[in-house]
Amino acid sequence: MTEEHTTGAAPSAEESQADSPGDHSGESLTAVNGSAGAKAAAGRAVKVLVVDDSATIRRSAETMLKSAGFEVITAENGFEALSKVARHNPQLIFVDIMMPRLDGYQTCAIIKNNEQYRSTPVIMLTSKDGLFDQARGRVVGSDLYLTKPFTKEELLGAVQQHAAS
């Protein structure tokens, strides 16, 4: 099971229990060092979900996004991602294509076929940069295709381009 991270200091006892069924007290956490670009209309940090089976990619993206003031939630597979989408309602989702059990295409399709989350931007993360792969991502509803390894500028640019949509 992956750790769930939000920006700020170490989680309090209340925040640590936020993952227990029926307890959602930790869901409204916002970034401590948020920048103007990382704030949603209500003045809260934009909540971003990063889904990747690689701990290195999750941590890299999390660090880059947190340093820019975004609230970050992580998941290591598609099933965990679907649970966290329902629980946290992120404003933007990054999802790796190549994952075991439920791949990024399937995860994106499930998110986009749900009326409640259809407008949530989904950005595919992958080391595959072929036209076929990009087209398949578009077919399942992805909003952008970001090739790994990505730079901080590419990651933040993708967030700025799609977080307000």
C-alpha atoms as a PDB file:
ATOM      1  CA  MET A   1       0.000   0.000   0.000  1.00  0.00           C
ATOM      2  CA  THR A   2       1.354   3.427  -0.848  1.00  0.00           C
ATOM      3  CA  GLU A   3       1.585   6.253   1.570  1.00  0.00           C
ATOM      4  CA  GLU A   4      -0.778   9.115   0.972  1.00  0.00           C
ATOM      5  CA  HIS A   5       0.936  12.451   1.084  1.00  0.00           C
ATOM      6  CA  THR A   6      -0.271  16.004   1.301  1.00  0.00           C
ATOM      7  CA  THR A   7       1.834  19.114   1.568  1.00  0.00           C
ATOM      8  CA  GLY A   8       2.931  20.502   4.880  1.00  0.00           C
ATOM      9  CA  ALA A   9       4.459  19.043   8.010  1.00  0.00           C
ATOM     10  CA  ALA A  10       4.257  15.460   9.173  1.00  0.00           C
ATOM     11  CA  PRO A  11       0.647  14.301   9.440  1.00  0.00           C
ATOM     12  CA  SER A  12      -1.115  14.725  12.749  1.00  0.00           C
ATOM     13  CA  ALA A  13      -2.966  11.836  14.361  1.00  0.00           C
ATOM     14  CA  GLU A  14      -6.194  13.133  12.797  1.00  0.00           C
ATOM     15  CA  GLU A  15      -4.650  13.295   9.321  1.00  0.00           C
ATOM     16  CA  SER A  16      -3.145   9.822   9.682  1.00  0.00           C
ATOM     17  CA  GLN A  17      -6.616   8.441  10.388  1.00  0.00           C
ATOM     18  CA  ALA A  18      -8.115  10.183   7.328  1.00  0.00           C
ATOM     19  CA  ASP A  19      -7.611   7.025   5.279  1.00  0.00           C
ATOM     20  CA  SER A  20      -9.833   4.945   7.506  1.00  0.00           C
ATOM     21  CA  PRO A  21     -13.221   4.074   5.993  1.00  0.00           C
ATOM     22  CA  GLY A  22     -15.836   6.738   6.562  1.00  0.00           C
ATOM     23  CA  ASP A  23     -13.390   9.269   8.013  1.00  0.00           C
ATOM     24  CA  HIS A  24     -12.586  12.076   5.627  1.00  0.00           C
ATOM     25  CA  SER A  25     -11.334  14.702   8.061  1.00  0.00           C
ATOM     26  CA  GLY A  26      -7.978  15.050   6.258  1.00  0.00           C
ATOM     27  CA  GLU A  27      -9.448  15.742   2.833  1.00  0.00           C
ATOM     28  CA  SER A  28      -9.483  19.521   3.034  1.00  0.00           C
ATOM     29  CA  LEU A  29      -5.755  20.006   3.602  1.00  0.00           C
ATOM     30  CA  THR A  30      -4.182  22.752   1.539  1.00  0.00           C
ATOM     31  CA  ALA A  31      -0.632  23.639   0.611  1.00  0.00           C
ATOM     32  CA  VAL A  32       1.363  25.559   3.173  1.00  0.00           C
ATOM     33  CA  ASN A  33       3.694  27.268   0.712  1.00  0.00           C
ATOM     34  CA  GLY A  34       1.215  27.664  -2.160  1.00  0.00           C
ATOM     35  CA  SER A  35       1.932  30.001  -5.031  1.00  0.00           C
ATOM     36  CA  ALA A  36      -0.688  31.991  -6.923  1.00  0.00           C
ATOM     37  CA  GLY A  37      -0.572  29.455  -9.785  1.00  0.00           C
ATOM     38  CA  ALA A  38      -1.246  26.592  -7.402  1.00  0.00           C
ATOM     39  CA  LYS A  39      -4.417  28.079  -5.925  1.00  0.00           C
ATOM     40  CA  ALA A  40      -7.885  27.130  -7.060  1.00  0.00           C
ATOM     41  CA  ALA A  41     -10.685  29.678  -7.303  1.00  0.00           C
ATOM     42  CA  ALA A  42     -11.724  29.072  -3.688  1.00  0.00           C
ATOM     43  CA  GLY A  43      -8.236  30.007  -2.483  1.00  0.00           C
ATOM     44  CA  ARG A  44      -7.214  26.403  -1.806  1.00  0.00           C
ATOM     45  CA  ALA A  45      -4.267  24.597  -3.315  1.00  0.00           C
ATOM     46  CA  VAL A  46      -4.991  22.665  -6.482  1.00  0.00           C
ATOM     47  CA  LYS A  47      -5.219  18.977  -5.588  1.00  0.00           C
ATOM     48  CA  VAL A  48      -3.220  16.725  -7.925  1.00  0.00           C
ATOM     49  CA  LEU A  49      -3.254  12.917  -7.997  1.00  0.00           C
ATOM     50  CA  VAL A  50      -0.095  11.185  -9.272  1.00  0.00           C
ATOM     51  CA  VAL A  51      -0.531   7.521 -10.230  1.00  0.00           C
ATOM     52  CA  ASP A  52       2.553   5.475 -11.092  1.00  0.00           C
ATOM     53  CA  ASP A  53       3.797   2.044 -10.084  1.00  0.00           C
ATOM     54  CA  SER A  54       7.333   3.464  -9.829  1.00  0.00           C
ATOM     55  CA  ALA A  55       8.019   4.937  -6.387  1.00  0.00           C
ATOM     56  CA  THR A  56      10.792   7.056  -7.936  1.00  0.00           C
ATOM     57  CA  ILE A  57       8.438   8.715 -10.429  1.00  0.00           C
ATOM     58  CA  ARG A  58       5.756   9.252  -7.763  1.00  0.00           C
ATOM     59  CA  ARG A  59       8.236  10.865  -5.389  1.00  0.00           C
ATOM     60  CA  SER A  60       9.820  13.007  -8.116  1.00  0.00           C
ATOM     61  CA  ALA A  61       6.478  14.326  -9.313  1.00  0.00           C
ATOM     62  CA  GLU A  62       5.294  14.807  -5.737  1.00  0.00           C
ATOM     63  CA  THR A  63       8.401  16.809  -4.818  1.00  0.00           C
ATOM     64  CA  MET A  64       8.174  18.999  -7.928  1.00  0.00           C
ATOM     65  CA  LEU A  65       4.484  19.701  -7.441  1.00  0.00           C
ATOM     66  CA  LYS A  66       4.704  20.324  -3.697  1.00  0.00           C
ATOM     67  CA  SER A  67       7.567  22.777  -4.177  1.00  0.00           C
ATOM     68  CA  ALA A  68       5.234  24.753  -6.448  1.00  0.00           C
ATOM     69  CA  GLY A  69       2.502  24.779  -3.798  1.00  0.00           C
ATOM     70  CA  PHE A  70       0.202  22.010  -5.018  1.00  0.00           C
ATOM     71  CA  GLU A  71      -1.487  19.489  -2.758  1.00  0.00           C
ATOM     72  CA  VAL A  72      -0.369  16.038  -3.894  1.00  0.00           C
ATOM     73  CA  ILE A  73      -1.987  12.651  -3.439  1.00  0.00           C
ATOM     74  CA  THR A  74      -0.238   9.531  -4.732  1.00  0.00           C
ATOM     75  CA  ALA A  75      -1.352   6.074  -5.811  1.00  0.00           C
ATOM     76  CA  GLU A  76       0.700   3.152  -7.063  1.00  0.00           C
ATOM     77  CA  ASN A  77      -1.887   1.475  -9.298  1.00  0.00           C
ATOM     78  CA  GLY A  78      -5.147   2.060 -11.121  1.00  0.00           C
ATOM     79  CA  PHE A  79      -7.378   0.499  -8.476  1.00  0.00           C
ATOM     80  CA  GLU A  80      -5.868   2.621  -5.725  1.00  0.00           C
ATOM     81  CA  ALA A  81      -6.204   5.659  -8.004  1.00  0.00           C
ATOM     82  CA  LEU A  82      -9.930   5.098  -8.514  1.00  0.00           C
ATOM     83  CA  SER A  83     -10.439   4.910  -4.768  1.00  0.00           C
ATOM     84  CA  LYS A  84      -8.491   8.138  -4.223  1.00  0.00           C
ATOM     85  CA  VAL A  85     -10.305   9.941  -7.037  1.00  0.00           C
ATOM     86  CA  ALA A  86     -13.610   9.164  -5.317  1.00  0.00           C
ATOM     87  CA  ARG A  87     -12.275  10.080  -1.875  1.00  0.00           C
ATOM     88  CA  HIS A  88     -10.325  13.253  -2.689  1.00  0.00           C
ATOM     89  CA  ASN A  89     -11.848  14.582  -5.931  1.00  0.00           C
ATOM     90  CA  PRO A  90      -8.556  15.918  -7.373  1.00  0.00           C
ATOM     91  CA  GLN A  91      -8.590  18.782  -9.871  1.00  0.00           C
ATOM     92  CA  LEU A  92      -5.949  17.058 -12.032  1.00  0.00           C
ATOM     93  CA  ILE A  93      -4.722  13.483 -12.466  1.00  0.00           C
ATOM     94  CA  PHE A  94      -1.388  12.221 -13.798  1.00  0.00           C
ATOM     95  CA  VAL A  95      -1.535   8.510 -14.633  1.00  0.00           C
ATOM     96  CA  ASP A  96       1.192   6.176 -15.863  1.00  0.00           C
ATOM     97  CA  ILE A  97       0.214   4.003 -18.819  1.00  0.00           C
ATOM     98  CA  MET A  98       2.248   0.886 -18.038  1.00  0.00           C
ATOM     99  CA  MET A  99       0.959  -0.460 -14.713  1.00  0.00           C
ATOM    100  CA  PRO A 100       0.061  -3.990 -13.613  1.00  0.00           C
ATOM    101  CA  ARG A 101      -3.563  -5.134 -13.227  1.00  0.00           C
ATOM    102  CA  LEU A 102      -5.313  -1.921 -14.360  1.00  0.00           C
ATOM    103  CA  ASP A 103      -3.233   0.085 -16.816  1.00  0.00           C
ATOM    104  CA  GLY A 104      -3.367   3.826 -17.396  1.00  0.00           C
ATOM    105  CA  TYR A 105      -5.636   3.567 -20.439  1.00  0.00           C
ATOM    106  CA  GLN A 106      -8.191   1.544 -18.458  1.00  0.00           C
ATOM    107  CA  THR A 107      -7.893   3.849 -15.441  1.00  0.00           C
ATOM    108  CA  CYS A 108      -8.397   6.946 -17.617  1.00  0.00           C
ATOM    109  CA  ALA A 109     -11.383   5.389 -19.408  1.00  0.00           C
ATOM    110  CA  ILE A 110     -13.101   4.549 -16.092  1.00  0.00           C
ATOM    111  CA  ILE A 111     -12.546   8.082 -14.780  1.00  0.00           C
ATOM    112  CA  LYS A 112     -13.755   9.716 -17.995  1.00  0.00           C
ATOM    113  CA  ASN A 113     -16.831   7.469 -18.218  1.00  0.00           C
ATOM    114  CA  ASN A 114     -17.997   8.648 -14.788  1.00  0.00           C
ATOM    115  CA  GLU A 115     -20.198  11.743 -15.098  1.00  0.00           C
ATOM    116  CA  GLN A 116     -18.859  13.216 -11.843  1.00  0.00           C
ATOM    117  CA  TYR A 117     -15.210  13.088 -12.964  1.00  0.00           C
ATOM    118  CA  ARG A 118     -15.535  13.433 -16.754  1.00  0.00           C
ATOM    119  CA  SER A 119     -14.278  17.037 -16.739  1.00  0.00           C
ATOM    120  CA  THR A 120     -11.258  16.254 -14.521  1.00  0.00           C
ATOM    121  CA  PRO A 121      -8.157  16.531 -16.709  1.00  0.00           C
ATOM    122  CA  VAL A 122      -6.171  13.290 -17.001  1.00  0.00           C
ATOM    123  CA  ILE A 123      -2.576  13.510 -18.200  1.00  0.00           C
ATOM    124  CA  MET A 124      -0.925  10.287 -19.312  1.00  0.00           C
ATOM    125  CA  LEU A 125       2.653   9.686 -18.103  1.00  0.00           C
ATOM    126  CA  THR A 126       4.742   7.262 -20.109  1.00  0.00           C
ATOM    127  CA  SER A 127       8.070   6.379 -21.611  1.00  0.00           C
ATOM    128  CA  LYS A 128       6.209   5.348 -24.776  1.00  0.00           C
ATOM    129  CA  ASP A 129       6.071   8.299 -27.157  1.00  0.00           C
ATOM    130  CA  GLY A 130       4.656   6.715 -30.305  1.00  0.00           C
ATOM    131  CA  LEU A 131       1.748   8.199 -32.241  1.00  0.00           C
ATOM    132  CA  PHE A 132      -0.321   5.057 -31.690  1.00  0.00           C
ATOM    133  CA  ASP A 133       0.090   5.363 -27.917  1.00  0.00           C
ATOM    134  CA  GLN A 134      -0.875   9.045 -27.993  1.00  0.00           C
ATOM    135  CA  ALA A 135      -3.915   8.305 -30.153  1.00  0.00           C
ATOM    136  CA  ARG A 136      -5.005   5.508 -27.825  1.00  0.00           C
ATOM    137  CA  GLY A 137      -4.710   7.931 -24.906  1.00  0.00           C
ATOM    138  CA  ARG A 138      -6.944  10.424 -26.691  1.00  0.00           C
ATOM    139  CA  VAL A 139      -9.501   7.721 -27.467  1.00  0.00           C
ATOM    140  CA  VAL A 140      -9.910   6.923 -23.756  1.00  0.00           C
ATOM    141  CA  GLY A 141     -10.215  10.629 -22.925  1.00  0.00           C
ATOM    142  CA  SER A 142      -6.768  11.782 -21.820  1.00  0.00           C
ATOM    143  CA  ASP A 143      -6.141  15.515 -22.047  1.00  0.00           C
ATOM    144  CA  LEU A 144      -2.364  15.435 -22.536  1.00  0.00           C
ATOM    145  CA  TYR A 145       0.489  13.002 -22.984  1.00  0.00           C
ATOM    146  CA  LEU A 146       3.689  13.653 -21.014  1.00  0.00           C
ATOM    147  CA  THR A 147       6.762  11.560 -21.841  1.00  0.00           C
ATOM    148  CA  LYS A 148       9.060  10.349 -19.045  1.00  0.00           C
ATOM    149  CA  PRO A 149      11.520  11.436 -17.956  1.00  0.00           C
ATOM    150  CA  PHE A 150       9.874  14.854 -17.631  1.00  0.00           C
ATOM    151  CA  THR A 151      11.350  18.078 -16.318  1.00  0.00           C
ATOM    152  CA  LYS A 152       9.873  20.215 -13.563  1.00  0.00           C
ATOM    153  CA  GLU A 153       8.981  22.817 -16.207  1.00  0.00           C
ATOM    154  CA  GLU A 154       7.106  20.235 -18.316  1.00  0.00           C
ATOM    155  CA  LEU A 155       5.232  18.917 -15.288  1.00  0.00           C
ATOM    156  CA  LEU A 156       4.271  22.372 -13.981  1.00  0.00           C
ATOM    157  CA  GLY A 157       3.411  23.547 -17.504  1.00  0.00           C
ATOM    158  CA  ALA A 158       0.987  20.645 -17.859  1.00  0.00           C
ATOM    159  CA  VAL A 159      -0.610  21.520 -14.526  1.00  0.00           C
ATOM    160  CA  GLN A 160      -0.948  25.198 -15.420  1.00  0.00           C
ATOM    161  CA  GLN A 161      -2.411  24.323 -18.809  1.00  0.00           C
ATOM    162  CA  HIS A 162      -5.046  21.960 -17.429  1.00  0.00           C
ATOM    163  CA  ALA A 163      -5.710  22.739 -13.755  1.00  0.00           C
ATOM    164  CA  ALA A 164      -7.954  25.691 -14.599  1.00  0.00           C
ATOM    165  CA  SER A 165      -9.989  23.748 -17.184  1.00  0.00           C
END
